[in-house]
mmCIF file of all heavy atoms, coordinates in Angstrom:
data_MODEL
# 
_entry.id   MODEL 
# 
loop_
_atom_site.group_PDB 
_atom_site.id 
_atom_site.type_symbol 
_atom_site.label_atom_id 
_atom_site.label_alt_id 
_atom_site.label_comp_id 
_atom_site.label_asym_id 
_atom_site.label_entity_id 
_atom_site.label_seq_id 
_atom_site.pdbx_PDB_ins_code 
_atom_site.Cartn_x 
_atom_site.Cartn_y 
_atom_site.Cartn_z 
_atom_site.occupancy 
_atom_site.B_iso_or_equiv 
_atom_site.pdbx_formal_charge 
_atom_site.auth_seq_id 
_atom_site.auth_comp_id 
_atom_site.auth_asym_id 
_atom_site.auth_atom_id 
_atom_site.pdbx_PDB_model_num 
ATOM 1   N N   . GLU A 1 1  ? 0.845   -1.199  0.000  1.00 0.00 ? 1  GLU A N   1 
ATOM 2   C CA  . GLU A 1 1  ? 0.000   0.000   0.000  1.00 0.00 ? 1  GLU A CA  1 
ATOM 3   C C   . GLU A 1 1  ? 0.879   1.247   0.000  1.00 0.00 ? 1  GLU A C   1 
ATOM 4   O O   . GLU A 1 1  ? 1.906   1.292   0.678  1.00 0.00 ? 1  GLU A O   1 
ATOM 5   C CB  . GLU A 1 1  ? -0.901  0.010   1.241  1.00 0.00 ? 1  GLU A CB  1 
ATOM 6   C CG  . GLU A 1 1  ? -1.913  -1.103  1.258  1.00 0.00 ? 1  GLU A CG  1 
ATOM 7   C CD  . GLU A 1 1  ? -2.769  -1.103  2.521  1.00 0.00 ? 1  GLU A CD  1 
ATOM 8   O OE1 . GLU A 1 1  ? -2.516  -0.282  3.434  1.00 0.00 ? 1  GLU A OE1 1 
ATOM 9   O OE2 . GLU A 1 1  ? -3.680  -1.929  2.589  1.00 0.00 ? 1  GLU A OE2 1 
ATOM 10  N N   . ARG A 1 2  ? 0.463   2.250   -0.744 1.00 0.00 ? 2  ARG A N   1 
ATOM 11  C CA  . ARG A 1 2  ? 1.244   3.506   -0.773 1.00 0.00 ? 2  ARG A CA  1 
ATOM 12  C C   . ARG A 1 2  ? 1.170   4.231   0.559  1.00 0.00 ? 2  ARG A C   1 
ATOM 13  O O   . ARG A 1 2  ? 2.163   4.729   1.052  1.00 0.00 ? 2  ARG A O   1 
ATOM 14  C CB  . ARG A 1 2  ? 0.731   4.420   -1.884 1.00 0.00 ? 2  ARG A CB  1 
ATOM 15  C CG  . ARG A 1 2  ? 1.124   3.928   -3.240 1.00 0.00 ? 2  ARG A CG  1 
ATOM 16  C CD  . ARG A 1 2  ? 0.779   4.911   -4.309 1.00 0.00 ? 2  ARG A CD  1 
ATOM 17  N NE  . ARG A 1 2  ? 1.168   4.326   -5.590 1.00 0.00 ? 2  ARG A NE  1 
ATOM 18  C CZ  . ARG A 1 2  ? 0.758   4.755   -6.733 1.00 0.00 ? 2  ARG A CZ  1 
ATOM 19  N NH1 . ARG A 1 2  ? -0.047  5.785   -6.801 1.00 0.00 ? 2  ARG A NH1 1 
ATOM 20  N NH2 . ARG A 1 2  ? 1.156   4.174   -7.836 1.00 0.00 ? 2  ARG A NH2 1 
ATOM 21  N N   . ALA A 1 3  ? -0.020  4.285   1.123  1.00 0.00 ? 3  ALA A N   1 
ATOM 22  C CA  . ALA A 1 3  ? -0.198  5.011   2.378  1.00 0.00 ? 3  ALA A CA  1 
ATOM 23  C C   . ALA A 1 3  ? 0.367   4.246   3.583  1.00 0.00 ? 3  ALA A C   1 
ATOM 24  O O   . ALA A 1 3  ? 0.658   4.847   4.604  1.00 0.00 ? 3  ALA A O   1 
ATOM 25  C CB  . ALA A 1 3  ? -1.679  5.294   2.611  1.00 0.00 ? 3  ALA A CB  1 
ATOM 26  N N   . ASN A 1 4  ? 0.522   2.932   3.437  1.00 0.00 ? 4  ASN A N   1 
ATOM 27  C CA  . ASN A 1 4  ? 0.982   2.091   4.533  1.00 0.00 ? 4  ASN A CA  1 
ATOM 28  C C   . ASN A 1 4  ? 1.936   1.036   3.965  1.00 0.00 ? 4  ASN A C   1 
ATOM 29  O O   . ASN A 1 4  ? 1.572   -0.134  3.852  1.00 0.00 ? 4  ASN A O   1 
ATOM 30  C CB  . ASN A 1 4  ? -0.233  1.448   5.208  1.00 0.00 ? 4  ASN A CB  1 
ATOM 31  C CG  . ASN A 1 4  ? 0.083   0.900   6.570  1.00 0.00 ? 4  ASN A CG  1 
ATOM 32  O OD1 . ASN A 1 4  ? 1.201   1.025   7.061  1.00 0.00 ? 4  ASN A OD1 1 
ATOM 33  N ND2 . ASN A 1 4  ? -0.896  0.264   7.171  1.00 0.00 ? 4  ASN A ND2 1 
ATOM 34  N N   . PRO A 1 5  ? 3.171   1.428   3.577  1.00 0.00 ? 5  PRO A N   1 
ATOM 35  C CA  . PRO A 1 5  ? 4.056   0.552   2.812  1.00 0.00 ? 5  PRO A CA  1 
ATOM 36  C C   . PRO A 1 5  ? 4.559   -0.692  3.541  1.00 0.00 ? 5  PRO A C   1 
ATOM 37  O O   . PRO A 1 5  ? 5.169   -1.553  2.932  1.00 0.00 ? 5  PRO A O   1 
ATOM 38  C CB  . PRO A 1 5  ? 5.225   1.450   2.414  1.00 0.00 ? 5  PRO A CB  1 
ATOM 39  C CG  . PRO A 1 5  ? 5.145   2.642   3.267  1.00 0.00 ? 5  PRO A CG  1 
ATOM 40  C CD  . PRO A 1 5  ? 3.744   2.749   3.775  1.00 0.00 ? 5  PRO A CD  1 
ATOM 41  N N   . GLU A 1 6  ? 4.304   -0.819  4.835  1.00 0.00 ? 6  GLU A N   1 
ATOM 42  C CA  . GLU A 1 6  ? 4.748   -2.028  5.524  1.00 0.00 ? 6  GLU A CA  1 
ATOM 43  C C   . GLU A 1 6  ? 3.800   -3.214  5.324  1.00 0.00 ? 6  GLU A C   1 
ATOM 44  O O   . GLU A 1 6  ? 4.105   -4.325  5.707  1.00 0.00 ? 6  GLU A O   1 
ATOM 45  C CB  . GLU A 1 6  ? 4.991   -1.783  7.022  1.00 0.00 ? 6  GLU A CB  1 
ATOM 46  C CG  . GLU A 1 6  ? 3.786   -1.382  7.827  1.00 0.00 ? 6  GLU A CG  1 
ATOM 47  C CD  . GLU A 1 6  ? 3.528   0.119   7.838  1.00 0.00 ? 6  GLU A CD  1 
ATOM 48  O OE1 . GLU A 1 6  ? 4.296   0.887   7.247  1.00 0.00 ? 6  GLU A OE1 1 
ATOM 49  O OE2 . GLU A 1 6  ? 2.528   0.498   8.457  1.00 0.00 ? 6  GLU A OE2 1 
ATOM 50  N N   . VAL A 1 7  ? 2.640   -2.966  4.695  1.00 0.00 ? 7  VAL A N   1 
ATOM 51  C CA  . VAL A 1 7  ? 1.691   -4.059  4.432  1.00 0.00 ? 7  VAL A CA  1 
ATOM 52  C C   . VAL A 1 7  ? 1.319   -4.091  2.950  1.00 0.00 ? 7  VAL A C   1 
ATOM 53  O O   . VAL A 1 7  ? 1.373   -3.087  2.257  1.00 0.00 ? 7  VAL A O   1 
ATOM 54  C CB  . VAL A 1 7  ? 0.399   -3.934  5.284  1.00 0.00 ? 7  VAL A CB  1 
ATOM 55  C CG1 . VAL A 1 7  ? 0.704   -4.048  6.764  1.00 0.00 ? 7  VAL A CG1 1 
ATOM 56  C CG2 . VAL A 1 7  ? -0.335  -2.655  4.988  1.00 0.00 ? 7  VAL A CG2 1 
ATOM 57  N N   . PHE A 1 8  ? 0.940   -5.281  2.493  1.00 0.00 ? 8  PHE A N   1 
ATOM 58  C CA  . PHE A 1 8  ? 0.464   -5.433  1.122  1.00 0.00 ? 8  PHE A CA  1 
ATOM 59  C C   . PHE A 1 8  ? -0.998  -5.018  1.064  1.00 0.00 ? 8  PHE A C   1 
ATOM 60  O O   . PHE A 1 8  ? -1.672  -4.929  2.089  1.00 0.00 ? 8  PHE A O   1 
ATOM 61  C CB  . PHE A 1 8  ? 0.654   -6.874  0.654  1.00 0.00 ? 8  PHE A CB  1 
ATOM 62  C CG  . PHE A 1 8  ? 2.089   -7.217  0.425  1.00 0.00 ? 8  PHE A CG  1 
ATOM 63  C CD1 . PHE A 1 8  ? 2.880   -7.702  1.452  1.00 0.00 ? 8  PHE A CD1 1 
ATOM 64  C CD2 . PHE A 1 8  ? 2.670   -7.014  -0.815 1.00 0.00 ? 8  PHE A CD2 1 
ATOM 65  C CE1 . PHE A 1 8  ? 4.216   -7.990  1.244  1.00 0.00 ? 8  PHE A CE1 1 
ATOM 66  C CE2 . PHE A 1 8  ? 4.005   -7.304  -1.033 1.00 0.00 ? 8  PHE A CE2 1 
ATOM 67  C CZ  . PHE A 1 8  ? 4.783   -7.791  0.002  1.00 0.00 ? 8  PHE A CZ  1 
ATOM 68  N N   . ASN A 1 9  ? -1.490  -4.769  -0.125 1.00 0.00 ? 9  ASN A N   1 
ATOM 69  C CA  . ASN A 1 9  ? -2.852  -4.291  -0.351 1.00 0.00 ? 9  ASN A CA  1 
ATOM 70  C C   . ASN A 1 9  ? -3.859  -5.150  0.426  1.00 0.00 ? 9  ASN A C   1 
ATOM 71  O O   . ASN A 1 9  ? -4.207  -6.248  0.007  1.00 0.00 ? 9  ASN A O   1 
ATOM 72  C CB  . ASN A 1 9  ? -3.152  -4.316  -1.849 1.00 0.00 ? 9  ASN A CB  1 
ATOM 73  C CG  . ASN A 1 9  ? -4.491  -3.728  -2.192 1.00 0.00 ? 9  ASN A CG  1 
ATOM 74  O OD1 . ASN A 1 9  ? -5.458  -3.867  -1.458 1.00 0.00 ? 9  ASN A OD1 1 
ATOM 75  N ND2 . ASN A 1 9  ? -4.553  -3.083  -3.335 1.00 0.00 ? 9  ASN A ND2 1 
ATOM 76  N N   . ARG A 1 10 ? -4.283  -4.626  1.568  1.00 0.00 ? 10 ARG A N   1 
ATOM 77  C CA  . ARG A 1 10 ? -5.166  -5.385  2.465  1.00 0.00 ? 10 ARG A CA  1 
ATOM 78  C C   . ARG A 1 10 ? -6.513  -5.693  1.835  1.00 0.00 ? 10 ARG A C   1 
ATOM 79  O O   . ARG A 1 10 ? -7.081  -6.754  2.069  1.00 0.00 ? 10 ARG A O   1 
ATOM 80  C CB  . ARG A 1 10 ? -5.355  -4.626  3.782  1.00 0.00 ? 10 ARG A CB  1 
ATOM 81  C CG  . ARG A 1 10 ? -4.110  -4.667  4.646  1.00 0.00 ? 10 ARG A CG  1 
ATOM 82  C CD  . ARG A 1 10 ? -4.288  -3.860  5.870  1.00 0.00 ? 10 ARG A CD  1 
ATOM 83  N NE  . ARG A 1 10 ? -4.081  -2.453  5.503  1.00 0.00 ? 10 ARG A NE  1 
ATOM 84  C CZ  . ARG A 1 10 ? -3.859  -1.487  6.368  1.00 0.00 ? 10 ARG A CZ  1 
ATOM 85  N NH1 . ARG A 1 10 ? -3.849  -1.735  7.647  1.00 0.00 ? 10 ARG A NH1 1 
ATOM 86  N NH2 . ARG A 1 10 ? -3.661  -0.263  5.964  1.00 0.00 ? 10 ARG A NH2 1 
ATOM 87  N N   . LYS A 1 11 ? -7.029  -4.784  1.021  1.00 0.00 ? 11 LYS A N   1 
ATOM 88  C CA  . LYS A 1 11 ? -8.323  -5.020  0.377  1.00 0.00 ? 11 LYS A CA  1 
ATOM 89  C C   . LYS A 1 11 ? -8.239  -6.233  -0.545 1.00 0.00 ? 11 LYS A C   1 
ATOM 90  O O   . LYS A 1 11 ? -9.099  -7.114  -0.513 1.00 0.00 ? 11 LYS A O   1 
ATOM 91  C CB  . LYS A 1 11 ? -8.759  -3.778  -0.401 1.00 0.00 ? 11 LYS A CB  1 
ATOM 92  C CG  . LYS A 1 11 ? -10.080 -3.947  -1.105 1.00 0.00 ? 11 LYS A CG  1 
ATOM 93  C CD  . LYS A 1 11 ? -10.474 -2.690  -1.865 1.00 0.00 ? 11 LYS A CD  1 
ATOM 94  C CE  . LYS A 1 11 ? -11.770 -2.906  -2.626 1.00 0.00 ? 11 LYS A CE  1 
ATOM 95  N NZ  . LYS A 1 11 ? -12.092 -1.761  -3.473 1.00 0.00 ? 11 LYS A NZ  1 
ATOM 96  N N   . ARG A 1 12 ? -7.194  -6.283  -1.363 1.00 0.00 ? 12 ARG A N   1 
ATOM 97  C CA  . ARG A 1 12 ? -7.035  -7.381  -2.320 1.00 0.00 ? 12 ARG A CA  1 
ATOM 98  C C   . ARG A 1 12 ? -6.800  -8.704  -1.591 1.00 0.00 ? 12 ARG A C   1 
ATOM 99  O O   . ARG A 1 12 ? -7.376  -9.725  -1.945 1.00 0.00 ? 12 ARG A O   1 
ATOM 100 C CB  . ARG A 1 12 ? -5.860  -7.051  -3.242 1.00 0.00 ? 12 ARG A CB  1 
ATOM 101 C CG  . ARG A 1 12 ? -5.872  -7.787  -4.532 1.00 0.00 ? 12 ARG A CG  1 
ATOM 102 C CD  . ARG A 1 12 ? -6.998  -7.328  -5.410 1.00 0.00 ? 12 ARG A CD  1 
ATOM 103 N NE  . ARG A 1 12 ? -6.870  -7.968  -6.718 1.00 0.00 ? 12 ARG A NE  1 
ATOM 104 C CZ  . ARG A 1 12 ? -7.811  -7.985  -7.608 1.00 0.00 ? 12 ARG A CZ  1 
ATOM 105 N NH1 . ARG A 1 12 ? -8.947  -7.385  -7.390 1.00 0.00 ? 12 ARG A NH1 1 
ATOM 106 N NH2 . ARG A 1 12 ? -7.639  -8.586  -8.749 1.00 0.00 ? 12 ARG A NH2 1 
ATOM 107 N N   . ILE A 1 13 ? -5.945  -8.705  -0.586 1.00 0.00 ? 13 ILE A N   1 
ATOM 108 C CA  . ILE A 1 13 ? -5.671  -9.928  0.179  1.00 0.00 ? 13 ILE A CA  1 
ATOM 109 C C   . ILE A 1 13 ? -6.923  -10.384 0.912  1.00 0.00 ? 13 ILE A C   1 
ATOM 110 O O   . ILE A 1 13 ? -7.237  -11.576 0.945  1.00 0.00 ? 13 ILE A O   1 
ATOM 111 C CB  . ILE A 1 13 ? -4.482  -9.717  1.137  1.00 0.00 ? 13 ILE A CB  1 
ATOM 112 C CG1 . ILE A 1 13 ? -3.189  -9.625  0.310  1.00 0.00 ? 13 ILE A CG1 1 
ATOM 113 C CG2 . ILE A 1 13 ? -4.399  -10.843 2.159  1.00 0.00 ? 13 ILE A CG2 1 
ATOM 114 C CD1 . ILE A 1 13 ? -1.955  -9.307  1.085  1.00 0.00 ? 13 ILE A CD1 1 
ATOM 115 N N   . ASN A 1 14 ? -7.672  -9.450  1.468  1.00 0.00 ? 14 ASN A N   1 
ATOM 116 C CA  . ASN A 1 14 ? -8.913  -9.797  2.166  1.00 0.00 ? 14 ASN A CA  1 
ATOM 117 C C   . ASN A 1 14 ? -9.922  -10.412 1.199  1.00 0.00 ? 14 ASN A C   1 
ATOM 118 O O   . ASN A 1 14 ? -10.640 -11.347 1.544  1.00 0.00 ? 14 ASN A O   1 
ATOM 119 C CB  . ASN A 1 14 ? -9.497  -8.567  2.864  1.00 0.00 ? 14 ASN A CB  1 
ATOM 120 C CG  . ASN A 1 14 ? -10.398 -8.931  4.003  1.00 0.00 ? 14 ASN A CG  1 
ATOM 121 O OD1 . ASN A 1 14 ? -10.064 -9.803  4.806  1.00 0.00 ? 14 ASN A OD1 1 
ATOM 122 N ND2 . ASN A 1 14 ? -11.542 -8.290  4.079  1.00 0.00 ? 14 ASN A ND2 1 
ATOM 123 N N   . GLN A 1 15 ? -9.978  -9.893  -0.038 1.00 0.00 ? 15 GLN A N   1 
ATOM 124 C CA  . GLN A 1 15 ? -10.870 -10.461 -1.046 1.00 0.00 ? 15 GLN A CA  1 
ATOM 125 C C   . GLN A 1 15 ? -10.447 -11.893 -1.393 1.00 0.00 ? 15 GLN A C   1 
ATOM 126 O O   . GLN A 1 15 ? -11.282 -12.777 -1.523 1.00 0.00 ? 15 GLN A O   1 
ATOM 127 C CB  . GLN A 1 15 ? -10.867 -9.603  -2.317 1.00 0.00 ? 15 GLN A CB  1 
ATOM 128 C CG  . GLN A 1 15 ? -11.554 -8.277  -2.145 1.00 0.00 ? 15 GLN A CG  1 
ATOM 129 C CD  . GLN A 1 15 ? -11.339 -7.351  -3.343 1.00 0.00 ? 15 GLN A CD  1 
ATOM 130 O OE1 . GLN A 1 15 ? -10.445 -7.564  -4.162 1.00 0.00 ? 15 GLN A OE1 1 
ATOM 131 N NE2 . GLN A 1 15 ? -12.157 -6.319  -3.438 1.00 0.00 ? 15 GLN A NE2 1 
ATOM 132 N N   . LEU A 1 16 ? -9.144  -12.115 -1.535 1.00 0.00 ? 16 LEU A N   1 
ATOM 133 C CA  . LEU A 1 16 ? -8.639  -13.461 -1.815 1.00 0.00 ? 16 LEU A CA  1 
ATOM 134 C C   . LEU A 1 16 ? -8.976  -14.417 -0.673 1.00 0.00 ? 16 LEU A C   1 
ATOM 135 O O   . LEU A 1 16 ? -9.483  -15.516 -0.894 1.00 0.00 ? 16 LEU A O   1 
ATOM 136 C CB  . LEU A 1 16 ? -7.120  -13.427 -1.990 1.00 0.00 ? 16 LEU A CB  1 
ATOM 137 C CG  . LEU A 1 16 ? -6.554  -13.472 -3.378 1.00 0.00 ? 16 LEU A CG  1 
ATOM 138 C CD1 . LEU A 1 16 ? -5.039  -13.356 -3.350 1.00 0.00 ? 16 LEU A CD1 1 
ATOM 139 C CD2 . LEU A 1 16 ? -6.979  -14.679 -4.142 1.00 0.00 ? 16 LEU A CD2 1 
ATOM 140 N N   . LEU A 1 17 ? -8.686  -13.999 0.544  1.00 0.00 ? 17 LEU A N   1 
ATOM 141 C CA  . LEU A 1 17 ? -8.976  -14.841 1.706  1.00 0.00 ? 17 LEU A CA  1 
ATOM 142 C C   . LEU A 1 17 ? -10.473 -15.081 1.848  1.00 0.00 ? 17 LEU A C   1 
ATOM 143 O O   . LEU A 1 17 ? -10.897 -16.146 2.303  1.00 0.00 ? 17 LEU A O   1 
ATOM 144 C CB  . LEU A 1 17 ? -8.411  -14.205 2.985  1.00 0.00 ? 17 LEU A CB  1 
ATOM 145 C CG  . LEU A 1 17 ? -6.891  -14.151 3.089  1.00 0.00 ? 17 LEU A CG  1 
ATOM 146 C CD1 . LEU A 1 17 ? -6.472  -13.325 4.297  1.00 0.00 ? 17 LEU A CD1 1 
ATOM 147 C CD2 . LEU A 1 17 ? -6.282  -15.545 3.138  1.00 0.00 ? 17 LEU A CD2 1 
ATOM 148 N N   . GLY A 1 18 ? -11.277 -14.118 1.428  1.00 0.00 ? 18 GLY A N   1 
ATOM 149 C CA  . GLY A 1 18 ? -12.727 -14.232 1.535  1.00 0.00 ? 18 GLY A CA  1 
ATOM 150 C C   . GLY A 1 18 ? -13.326 -15.303 0.647  1.00 0.00 ? 18 GLY A C   1 
ATOM 151 O O   . GLY A 1 18 ? -14.469 -15.706 0.839  1.00 0.00 ? 18 GLY A O   1 
ATOM 152 N N   . THR A 1 19 ? -12.559 -15.805 -0.317 1.00 0.00 ? 19 THR A N   1 
ATOM 153 C CA  . THR A 1 19 ? -13.051 -16.887 -1.165 1.00 0.00 ? 19 THR A CA  1 
ATOM 154 C C   . THR A 1 19 ? -12.963 -18.236 -0.472 1.00 0.00 ? 19 THR A C   1 
ATOM 155 O O   . THR A 1 19 ? -13.494 -19.218 -0.965 1.00 0.00 ? 19 THR A O   1 
ATOM 156 C CB  . THR A 1 19 ? -12.259 -16.974 -2.490 1.00 0.00 ? 19 THR A CB  1 
ATOM 157 O OG1 . THR A 1 19 ? -10.900 -17.347 -2.207 1.00 0.00 ? 19 THR A OG1 1 
ATOM 158 C CG2 . THR A 1 19 ? -12.310 -15.662 -3.250 1.00 0.00 ? 19 THR A CG2 1 
ATOM 159 N N   . GLN A 1 20 ? -12.303 -18.277 0.659  1.00 0.00 ? 20 GLN A N   1 
ATOM 160 C CA  . GLN A 1 20 ? -12.097 -19.525 1.390  1.00 0.00 ? 20 GLN A CA  1 
ATOM 161 C C   . GLN A 1 20 ? -13.012 -19.554 2.615  1.00 0.00 ? 20 GLN A C   1 
ATOM 162 O O   . GLN A 1 20 ? -13.499 -18.537 3.073  1.00 0.00 ? 20 GLN A O   1 
ATOM 163 C CB  . GLN A 1 20 ? -10.632 -19.662 1.805  1.00 0.00 ? 20 GLN A CB  1 
ATOM 164 C CG  . GLN A 1 20 ? -9.663  -19.545 0.645  1.00 0.00 ? 20 GLN A CG  1 
ATOM 165 C CD  . GLN A 1 20 ? -9.974  -20.521 -0.474 1.00 0.00 ? 20 GLN A CD  1 
ATOM 166 O OE1 . GLN A 1 20 ? -10.105 -21.714 -0.235 1.00 0.00 ? 20 GLN A OE1 1 
ATOM 167 N NE2 . GLN A 1 20 ? -10.090 -20.009 -1.699 1.00 0.00 ? 20 GLN A NE2 1 
ATOM 168 N N   . ASP A 1 21 ? -13.231 -20.734 3.128  1.00 0.00 ? 21 ASP A N   1 
ATOM 169 C CA  . ASP A 1 21 ? -14.093 -20.916 4.293  1.00 0.00 ? 21 ASP A CA  1 
ATOM 170 C C   . ASP A 1 21 ? -13.298 -20.584 5.553  1.00 0.00 ? 21 ASP A C   1 
ATOM 171 O O   . ASP A 1 21 ? -12.738 -21.464 6.199  1.00 0.00 ? 21 ASP A O   1 
ATOM 172 C CB  . ASP A 1 21 ? -14.612 -22.359 4.334  1.00 0.00 ? 21 ASP A CB  1 
ATOM 173 C CG  . ASP A 1 21 ? -15.649 -22.562 5.421  1.00 0.00 ? 21 ASP A CG  1 
ATOM 174 O OD1 . ASP A 1 21 ? -16.288 -21.566 5.817  1.00 0.00 ? 21 ASP A OD1 1 
ATOM 175 O OD2 . ASP A 1 21 ? -15.818 -23.722 5.861  1.00 0.00 ? 21 ASP A OD2 1 
ATOM 176 N N   . LEU A 1 22 ? -13.243 -19.287 5.860  1.00 0.00 ? 22 LEU A N   1 
ATOM 177 C CA  . LEU A 1 22 ? -12.498 -18.815 7.027  1.00 0.00 ? 22 LEU A CA  1 
ATOM 178 C C   . LEU A 1 22 ? -13.448 -18.233 8.056  1.00 0.00 ? 22 LEU A C   1 
ATOM 179 O O   . LEU A 1 22 ? -14.421 -17.567 7.704  1.00 0.00 ? 22 LEU A O   1 
ATOM 180 C CB  . LEU A 1 22 ? -11.520 -17.703 6.624  1.00 0.00 ? 22 LEU A CB  1 
ATOM 181 C CG  . LEU A 1 22 ? -10.193 -18.098 6.039  1.00 0.00 ? 22 LEU A CG  1 
ATOM 182 C CD1 . LEU A 1 22 ? -9.428  -16.855 5.590  1.00 0.00 ? 22 LEU A CD1 1 
ATOM 183 C CD2 . LEU A 1 22 ? -9.381  -18.877 7.033  1.00 0.00 ? 22 LEU A CD2 1 
ATOM 184 N N   . LYS A 1 23 ? -13.120 -18.447 9.302  1.00 0.00 ? 23 LYS A N   1 
ATOM 185 C CA  . LYS A 1 23 ? -13.892 -17.840 10.385 1.00 0.00 ? 23 LYS A CA  1 
ATOM 186 C C   . LYS A 1 23 ? -13.568 -16.344 10.421 1.00 0.00 ? 23 LYS A C   1 
ATOM 187 O O   . LYS A 1 23 ? -12.407 -15.940 10.302 1.00 0.00 ? 23 LYS A O   1 
ATOM 188 C CB  . LYS A 1 23 ? -13.517 -18.516 11.708 1.00 0.00 ? 23 LYS A CB  1 
ATOM 189 C CG  . LYS A 1 23 ? -14.287 -18.020 12.883 1.00 0.00 ? 23 LYS A CG  1 
ATOM 190 C CD  . LYS A 1 23 ? -13.864 -18.749 14.143 1.00 0.00 ? 23 LYS A CD  1 
ATOM 191 C CE  . LYS A 1 23 ? -14.582 -18.143 15.338 1.00 0.00 ? 23 LYS A CE  1 
ATOM 192 N NZ  . LYS A 1 23 ? -14.073 -18.707 16.591 1.00 0.00 ? 23 LYS A NZ  1 
ATOM 193 N N   . ASP A 1 24 ? -14.595 -15.515 10.542 1.00 0.00 ? 24 ASP A N   1 
ATOM 194 C CA  . ASP A 1 24 ? -14.396 -14.075 10.620 1.00 0.00 ? 24 ASP A CA  1 
ATOM 195 C C   . ASP A 1 24 ? -13.462 -13.753 11.783 1.00 0.00 ? 24 ASP A C   1 
ATOM 196 O O   . ASP A 1 24 ? -13.631 -14.264 12.882 1.00 0.00 ? 24 ASP A O   1 
ATOM 197 C CB  . ASP A 1 24 ? -15.748 -13.359 10.798 1.00 0.00 ? 24 ASP A CB  1 
ATOM 198 C CG  . ASP A 1 24 ? -15.635 -11.869 10.592 1.00 0.00 ? 24 ASP A CG  1 
ATOM 199 O OD1 . ASP A 1 24 ? -14.771 -11.432 9.801  1.00 0.00 ? 24 ASP A OD1 1 
ATOM 200 O OD2 . ASP A 1 24 ? -16.418 -11.123 11.224 1.00 0.00 ? 24 ASP A OD2 1 
ATOM 201 N N   . GLY A 1 25 ? -12.464 -12.943 11.524 1.00 0.00 ? 25 GLY A N   1 
ATOM 202 C CA  . GLY A 1 25 ? -11.518 -12.566 12.557 1.00 0.00 ? 25 GLY A CA  1 
ATOM 203 C C   . GLY A 1 25 ? -10.271 -13.439 12.595 1.00 0.00 ? 25 GLY A C   1 
ATOM 204 O O   . GLY A 1 25 ? -9.423  -13.263 13.466 1.00 0.00 ? 25 GLY A O   1 
ATOM 205 N N   . THR A 1 26 ? -10.147 -14.371 11.650 1.00 0.00 ? 26 THR A N   1 
ATOM 206 C CA  . THR A 1 26 ? -8.950  -15.211 11.592 1.00 0.00 ? 26 THR A CA  1 
ATOM 207 C C   . THR A 1 26 ? -7.729  -14.320 11.402 1.00 0.00 ? 26 THR A C   1 
ATOM 208 O O   . THR A 1 26 ? -7.727  -13.436 10.559 1.00 0.00 ? 26 THR A O   1 
ATOM 209 C CB  . THR A 1 26 ? -9.040  -16.233 10.435 1.00 0.00 ? 26 THR A CB  1 
ATOM 210 O OG1 . THR A 1 26 ? -10.171 -17.068 10.657 1.00 0.00 ? 26 THR A OG1 1 
ATOM 211 C CG2 . THR A 1 26 ? -7.783  -17.082 10.346 1.00 0.00 ? 26 THR A CG2 1 
# 
């Protein structure tokens, strides 16, 4: 992320993880 360069694009990663059967808050 440009505004937070220590992390990767959280929105995109969250969308990817959201395709899997994960418990909310994992």
